[in-house]
Amino acid sequence: MSDAVQVDGLGKTFLVPEREAGLRASVRSLFRRRQRPVVAVAGVSFQIEPGEVVGFLGPNGAGKTTTLKMLAGLLHPTAGEARVLGFVPHRREAAFLRQIALLMGNRQQLVWDLPASDSFEIQRAIYRIPREIYHQTLAELTDLLDLRPLLGKPVRTLSLGERMKCEVAAALLHQPRVLFLDEPTLGLDVTMQRRLRTFLQTYHQRLGATILLTSHAMADVEALCERVIVIHRGHLLYDGALADLVARFAPHKTIAVELDGEGLDLRPFGEIVATSGTRVTLRVPKAEVARTTERLLANLPVLDLTVAEPPIEEVIDQVFATGAAAPGSGRAVTR
């Protein structure tokens, strides 16, 4: 089976104008403009199989959105090549565009002054969706996203959460085989984020769509993705299972202990990272977790005890720190 997404040495360099301050520099720039190259993506390579849901992680400015735009055909790469469903994205062939969707949390495709239903009709016309299939798909999306009360409202009157649900529906009306999602839960409250994640899980299970997801909400990644790709400053740092990423870059676990009384000294048991009344959280090396748990239960009045992996945010921060020290190191681990 061929890959849904294949990226080989993909790179993008922008030429950014620059000049000194002052009137003289402004006049000089009219005749001789200086530009400097800025590397946004530097030789990234990876493959995504049909039906995979992959997290695409990195700090702001890492090159995530630039990569997604190249994969969606909005930007032309300056190095390497990419293929999505066998197509070269920047050629923007109609057969390619009918099978992909790019949803960006900070951009909108709905018409501001029209009801959401009219924007959906525009999408139907653009993608030439047969009416029977369109109405069937819209009915399914309406049920999954609870859109019925929103269809007749002008987009400008919708809340951010309501508008994002309509944006998702508009992006999926043509039932794309590949979804590029760039911060789809941006600005949504916790409840709406959870509902959108549940919807994406259901959509993936129904249609087997391939999804490449960027998000700073690590709950999105943990809920949807078994595999993650991490980039930093345009370089690939990690490509593999999320569980392996945690195992490699998180040598500690946390032990949360609820005690029968306050003021007890837990420093001999590990590094104290948080204290709230009678609840204390310790950071303990993984190799010592079992022995530390046994000592806590044997020597202290423990009411409750929980052992957990560190938050995924801490793990990702550790990956970034490693990559910042040696860009490009540790790439394509466990793939």
Protein backbone atom coordinates (compact mmCIF):
# COMPACT_ATOMS: atom_id res chain seq x y z
CA MET A 1 0.00 0.00 0.00
CA SER A 2 1.47 3.39 -1.01
CA ASP A 3 1.91 6.14 1.54
CA ALA A 4 -0.81 8.78 1.84
CA VAL A 5 1.86 11.41 2.49
CA GLN A 6 5.50 11.12 1.42
CA VAL A 7 8.00 13.87 2.21
CA ASP A 8 11.65 13.67 1.09
CA GLY A 9 14.11 16.39 2.06
CA LEU A 10 11.37 19.02 1.99
CA GLY A 11 12.63 22.55 2.53
CA LYS A 12 11.35 26.11 2.35
CA THR A 13 13.47 29.25 2.45
CA PHE A 14 11.95 32.72 2.37
CA LEU A 15 13.77 35.85 1.19
CA VAL A 16 13.01 38.60 3.72
CA PRO A 17 13.67 42.26 2.84
CA GLU A 18 15.75 44.18 5.36
CA ARG A 19 17.10 47.71 5.62
CA GLU A 20 18.48 50.10 8.17
CA ALA A 21 16.35 52.77 9.82
CA GLY A 22 16.24 56.31 8.48
CA LEU A 23 15.29 58.27 5.37
CA ARG A 24 18.54 57.63 3.54
CA ALA A 25 18.15 53.87 3.97
CA SER A 26 14.56 54.11 2.74
CA VAL A 27 15.59 55.88 -0.45
CA ARG A 28 18.48 53.49 -1.04
CA SER A 29 16.15 50.49 -0.67
CA LEU A 30 14.09 51.78 -3.61
CA PHE A 31 17.01 51.06 -5.95
CA ARG A 32 18.88 48.28 -4.20
CA ARG A 33 16.86 46.12 -1.85
CA ARG A 34 18.75 43.85 0.48
CA GLN A 35 17.29 40.48 1.32
CA ARG A 36 18.32 37.76 3.68
CA PRO A 37 17.30 34.10 3.49
CA VAL A 38 15.24 32.69 6.34
CA VAL A 39 15.02 28.91 6.51
CA ALA A 40 11.55 27.87 7.67
CA VAL A 41 11.84 24.14 6.89
CA ALA A 42 15.20 22.40 6.45
CA GLY A 43 15.23 19.03 4.71
CA VAL A 44 12.36 17.29 6.51
CA SER A 45 11.54 13.68 5.54
CA PHE A 46 8.73 11.42 6.73
CA GLN A 47 5.96 9.14 5.47
CA ILE A 48 2.37 8.72 6.65
CA GLU A 49 0.41 5.62 5.80
CA PRO A 50 -3.27 5.72 4.81
CA GLY A 51 -5.52 5.95 7.86
CA GLU A 52 -2.80 7.15 10.27
CA VAL A 53 -3.43 10.00 12.71
CA VAL A 54 -0.11 11.74 13.35
CA GLY A 55 0.70 14.62 15.68
CA PHE A 56 2.98 17.28 14.19
CA LEU A 57 4.59 19.13 17.08
CA GLY A 58 6.94 22.04 17.54
CA PRO A 59 7.17 25.48 19.16
CA ASN A 60 6.03 28.64 17.41
CA GLY A 61 8.23 29.24 14.38
CA ALA A 62 9.30 25.59 14.11
CA GLY A 63 8.00 25.23 10.55
CA LYS A 64 4.78 23.29 11.18
CA THR A 65 2.35 25.58 9.38
CA THR A 66 4.80 26.13 6.51
CA THR A 67 5.06 22.35 6.06
CA LEU A 68 1.28 21.94 6.09
CA LYS A 69 0.89 24.70 3.51
CA MET A 70 3.41 22.96 1.24
CA LEU A 71 1.56 19.65 1.65
CA ALA A 72 -1.74 21.37 0.83
CA GLY A 73 -0.22 23.04 -2.23
CA LEU A 74 -0.38 26.63 -0.97
CA LEU A 75 3.41 27.03 -0.98
CA HIS A 76 6.02 25.82 -3.44
CA PRO A 77 8.99 24.09 -1.74
CA THR A 78 12.48 25.41 -2.41
CA ALA A 79 14.08 22.01 -1.77
CA GLY A 80 13.08 18.36 -1.80
CA GLU A 81 9.69 17.07 -2.80
CA ALA A 82 6.36 15.96 -1.36
CA ARG A 83 3.57 13.73 -2.59
CA VAL A 84 0.09 13.47 -1.14
CA LEU A 85 -2.07 10.60 -2.42
CA GLY A 86 0.42 10.34 -5.27
CA PHE A 87 -0.03 13.99 -6.33
CA VAL A 88 2.55 16.79 -6.28
CA PRO A 89 0.72 19.32 -4.05
CA HIS A 90 1.90 22.60 -5.58
CA ARG A 91 0.49 21.61 -8.97
CA ARG A 92 -2.97 22.06 -7.40
CA GLU A 93 -4.67 19.51 -9.65
CA ALA A 94 -8.44 19.31 -9.24
CA ALA A 95 -8.32 15.59 -8.46
CA PHE A 96 -5.89 16.36 -5.62
CA LEU A 97 -7.87 19.26 -4.15
CA ARG A 98 -11.05 17.17 -4.06
CA GLN A 99 -9.36 14.68 -1.71
CA ILE A 100 -7.66 16.91 0.85
CA ALA A 101 -8.63 19.60 3.34
CA LEU A 102 -6.59 22.15 5.27
CA LEU A 103 -8.25 23.52 8.40
CA MET A 104 -6.46 26.33 10.23
CA GLY A 105 -7.77 27.45 13.60
CA ASN A 106 -6.85 31.10 12.96
CA ARG A 107 -8.32 31.32 9.43
CA GLN A 108 -11.90 31.13 8.18
CA GLN A 109 -13.50 29.94 4.98
CA LEU A 110 -17.09 30.80 5.89
CA VAL A 111 -18.69 33.95 4.46
CA TRP A 112 -18.98 36.42 7.33
CA ASP A 113 -22.43 37.89 6.59
CA LEU A 114 -24.16 34.77 5.26
CA PRO A 115 -25.81 31.98 7.26
CA ALA A 116 -23.60 28.94 7.75
CA SER A 117 -25.93 26.91 5.52
CA ASP A 118 -25.24 29.26 2.58
CA SER A 119 -21.49 28.86 3.08
CA PHE A 120 -22.00 25.10 2.98
CA GLU A 121 -23.87 25.48 -0.31
CA ILE A 122 -20.92 27.43 -1.70
CA GLN A 123 -18.62 24.58 -0.68
CA ARG A 124 -20.95 22.13 -2.42
CA ALA A 125 -20.74 24.14 -5.62
CA ILE A 126 -16.95 24.53 -5.45
CA TYR A 127 -16.36 20.80 -5.00
CA ARG A 128 -19.25 19.82 -7.29
CA ILE A 129 -20.70 17.49 -4.68
CA PRO A 130 -23.83 15.70 -5.93
CA ARG A 131 -26.84 16.99 -4.00
CA GLU A 132 -27.84 13.59 -2.64
CA ILE A 133 -24.36 12.96 -1.23
CA TYR A 134 -24.14 16.57 0.01
CA HIS A 135 -27.38 16.37 1.97
CA GLN A 136 -26.45 12.99 3.43
CA THR A 137 -23.01 14.21 4.51
CA LEU A 138 -24.37 17.47 5.90
CA ALA A 139 -26.97 15.55 7.92
CA GLU A 140 -24.25 13.35 9.43
CA LEU A 141 -22.04 16.34 10.25
CA THR A 142 -25.00 18.21 11.69
CA ASP A 143 -25.74 15.33 14.06
CA LEU A 144 -22.11 14.74 15.03
CA LEU A 145 -21.35 18.43 15.68
CA ASP A 146 -24.82 19.50 16.88
CA LEU A 147 -25.08 22.15 14.15
CA ARG A 148 -28.85 22.32 13.70
CA PRO A 149 -29.37 25.51 15.79
CA LEU A 150 -26.50 27.24 13.92
CA LEU A 151 -27.34 26.63 10.27
CA GLY A 152 -29.59 29.67 9.83
CA LYS A 153 -27.45 32.15 11.77
CA PRO A 154 -25.10 34.62 10.05
CA VAL A 155 -21.52 33.57 10.69
CA ARG A 156 -20.69 36.92 12.32
CA THR A 157 -23.23 36.20 15.10
CA LEU A 158 -21.68 32.85 16.06
CA SER A 159 -19.40 32.43 19.04
CA LEU A 160 -15.85 31.23 18.40
CA GLY A 161 -16.72 27.68 19.40
CA GLU A 162 -19.83 27.65 17.20
CA ARG A 163 -17.92 29.08 14.25
CA MET A 164 -15.15 26.49 14.61
CA LYS A 165 -17.72 23.69 14.50
CA CYS A 166 -19.09 25.15 11.27
CA GLU A 167 -15.56 25.56 9.88
CA VAL A 168 -14.90 21.87 10.56
CA ALA A 169 -18.13 20.89 8.83
CA ALA A 170 -17.32 23.07 5.80
CA ALA A 171 -13.88 21.47 5.50
CA LEU A 172 -15.33 17.95 5.59
CA LEU A 173 -18.36 18.27 3.31
CA HIS A 174 -16.44 16.80 0.37
CA GLN A 175 -15.26 13.88 2.58
CA PRO A 176 -11.50 14.41 2.13
CA ARG A 177 -9.21 11.40 2.39
CA VAL A 178 -6.40 13.50 3.94
CA LEU A 179 -6.91 16.15 6.62
CA PHE A 180 -4.29 18.75 7.55
CA LEU A 181 -5.39 20.30 10.84
CA ASP A 182 -3.47 23.34 12.11
CA GLU A 183 -4.51 24.18 15.68
CA PRO A 184 -8.16 23.14 15.17
CA THR A 185 -9.04 23.75 18.86
CA LEU A 186 -7.37 27.19 19.03
CA GLY A 187 -9.39 29.53 21.26
CA LEU A 188 -12.00 26.94 22.22
CA ASP A 189 -12.98 26.28 25.82
CA VAL A 190 -12.17 22.93 27.44
CA THR A 191 -15.64 21.48 26.82
CA MET A 192 -15.62 22.44 23.15
CA GLN A 193 -12.08 21.07 22.71
CA ARG A 194 -13.22 17.74 24.11
CA ARG A 195 -16.26 17.61 21.81
CA LEU A 196 -14.17 18.43 18.75
CA ARG A 197 -11.65 15.71 19.63
CA THR A 198 -14.47 13.19 20.00
CA PHE A 199 -15.85 14.22 16.63
CA LEU A 200 -12.47 13.82 14.91
CA GLN A 201 -12.10 10.35 16.41
CA THR A 202 -15.54 9.40 15.11
CA TYR A 203 -14.86 10.87 11.66
CA HIS A 204 -11.58 8.98 11.42
CA GLN A 205 -13.20 5.70 12.44
CA ARG A 206 -16.05 6.12 9.92
CA LEU A 207 -14.03 7.12 6.86
CA GLY A 208 -10.48 5.98 7.68
CA ALA A 209 -9.13 9.44 6.86
CA THR A 210 -5.43 10.21 7.17
CA ILE A 211 -4.87 13.10 9.60
CA LEU A 212 -1.81 15.27 10.25
CA LEU A 213 -2.50 17.42 13.30
CA THR A 214 -0.62 20.34 14.81
CA SER A 215 -1.69 21.55 18.23
CA HIS A 216 -0.32 23.25 21.32
CA ALA A 217 -3.10 21.56 23.30
CA MET A 218 -1.34 18.34 24.26
CA ALA A 219 -4.68 16.80 25.22
CA ASP A 220 -5.51 16.81 21.48
CA VAL A 221 -2.34 14.87 20.70
CA GLU A 222 -2.74 12.37 23.54
CA ALA A 223 -6.37 11.67 22.62
CA LEU A 224 -5.92 11.34 18.85
CA CYS A 225 -2.35 10.37 18.00
CA GLU A 226 -0.29 7.26 18.62
CA ARG A 227 2.58 8.63 16.53
CA VAL A 228 4.16 12.07 16.65
CA ILE A 229 6.62 14.00 14.50
CA VAL A 230 8.56 16.72 16.31
CA ILE A 231 10.36 19.55 14.51
CA HIS A 232 12.32 22.50 15.85
CA ARG A 233 13.80 25.39 13.86
CA GLY A 234 12.84 23.58 10.69
CA HIS A 235 14.71 20.36 11.59
CA LEU A 236 13.19 16.97 12.33
CA LEU A 237 13.94 15.92 15.91
CA TYR A 238 11.77 12.85 16.43
CA ASP A 239 9.44 10.60 14.46
CA GLY A 240 7.88 7.66 16.25
CA ALA A 241 5.38 6.44 18.81
CA LEU A 242 4.17 8.91 21.42
CA ALA A 243 4.72 6.28 24.12
CA ASP A 244 8.35 5.81 23.01
CA LEU A 245 8.86 9.57 23.08
CA VAL A 246 7.74 9.66 26.70
CA ALA A 247 9.97 6.70 27.57
CA ARG A 248 13.02 8.27 25.92
CA PHE A 249 12.77 11.84 27.15
CA ALA A 250 11.05 11.38 30.52
CA PRO A 251 13.29 9.36 32.87
CA HIS A 252 11.03 10.22 35.83
CA LYS A 253 7.48 9.52 36.97
CA THR A 254 5.34 11.50 39.37
CA ILE A 255 3.85 10.09 42.56
CA ALA A 256 0.91 12.02 44.03
CA VAL A 257 0.34 11.19 47.69
CA GLU A 258 -2.68 12.12 49.82
CA LEU A 259 -1.66 12.04 53.48
CA ASP A 260 -3.62 11.85 56.74
CA GLY A 261 -2.16 15.07 58.16
CA GLU A 262 -0.01 18.02 57.12
CA GLY A 263 3.61 18.97 57.77
CA LEU A 264 5.13 15.55 57.06
CA ASP A 265 8.59 15.57 55.48
CA LEU A 266 8.64 13.75 52.14
CA ARG A 267 12.04 14.98 50.96
CA PRO A 268 13.72 11.61 51.65
CA PHE A 269 11.33 9.96 49.17
CA GLY A 270 11.97 12.13 46.10
CA GLU A 271 11.92 15.62 44.65
CA ILE A 272 8.88 17.57 45.81
CA VAL A 273 7.35 19.36 42.82
CA ALA A 274 3.99 20.46 44.28
CA THR A 275 2.23 20.71 47.64
CA SER A 276 -1.45 21.46 48.26
CA GLY A 277 -2.65 20.89 51.80
CA THR A 278 -2.25 17.19 52.55
CA ARG A 279 -1.50 16.32 48.92
CA VAL A 280 2.15 16.16 47.83
CA THR A 281 3.52 15.39 44.35
CA LEU A 282 6.98 13.85 44.02
CA ARG A 283 9.24 13.36 41.00
CA VAL A 284 11.00 9.99 41.20
CA PRO A 285 13.34 8.17 38.75
CA LYS A 286 11.44 5.40 36.98
CA ALA A 287 13.76 2.71 38.31
CA GLU A 288 12.96 3.71 41.89
CA VAL A 289 9.18 4.09 41.61
CA ALA A 290 8.27 0.64 42.98
CA ARG A 291 10.66 0.89 45.93
CA THR A 292 9.62 4.48 46.72
CA THR A 293 5.93 3.55 46.62
CA GLU A 294 6.60 0.67 49.04
CA ARG A 295 8.48 2.96 51.43
CA LEU A 296 5.74 5.61 51.35
CA LEU A 297 3.04 3.07 52.19
CA ALA A 298 5.14 1.50 54.94
CA ASN A 299 6.30 4.70 56.67
CA LEU A 300 3.60 7.34 56.19
CA PRO A 301 -0.18 7.61 56.81
CA VAL A 302 -1.13 7.40 53.13
CA LEU A 303 -4.80 7.85 52.23
CA ASP A 304 -4.32 7.74 48.48
CA LEU A 305 -1.43 7.29 46.07
CA THR A 306 -1.24 7.73 42.29
CA VAL A 307 1.68 7.04 39.94
CA ALA A 308 1.67 8.79 36.57
CA GLU A 309 3.85 9.63 33.60
CA PRO A 310 4.95 13.29 33.48
CA PRO A 311 2.72 15.67 31.54
CA ILE A 312 3.35 15.40 27.81
CA GLU A 313 4.13 19.14 27.76
CA GLU A 314 7.23 18.50 29.89
CA VAL A 315 8.33 15.70 27.57
CA ILE A 316 8.00 17.90 24.48
CA ASP A 317 9.91 20.69 26.22
CA GLN A 318 12.73 18.24 26.85
CA VAL A 319 12.77 17.26 23.16
CA PHE A 320 12.96 20.93 22.16
CA ALA A 321 15.81 21.51 24.61
CA THR A 322 17.74 18.60 23.11
CA GLY A 323 17.09 19.82 19.59
CA ALA A 324 18.07 23.39 20.41
CA ALA A 325 21.43 22.18 21.63
CA ALA A 326 22.08 20.09 18.51
CA PRO A 327 19.69 20.82 15.62
CA GLY A 328 18.88 17.77 13.60
CA SER A 329 20.13 15.32 16.23
CA GLY A 330 18.05 12.31 17.15
CA ARG A 331 15.90 12.54 14.04
CA ALA A 332 13.74 9.68 12.80
CA VAL A 333 13.97 7.76 16.08
CA THR A 334 11.95 4.52 16.33
CA ARG A 335 10.19 4.62 13.03
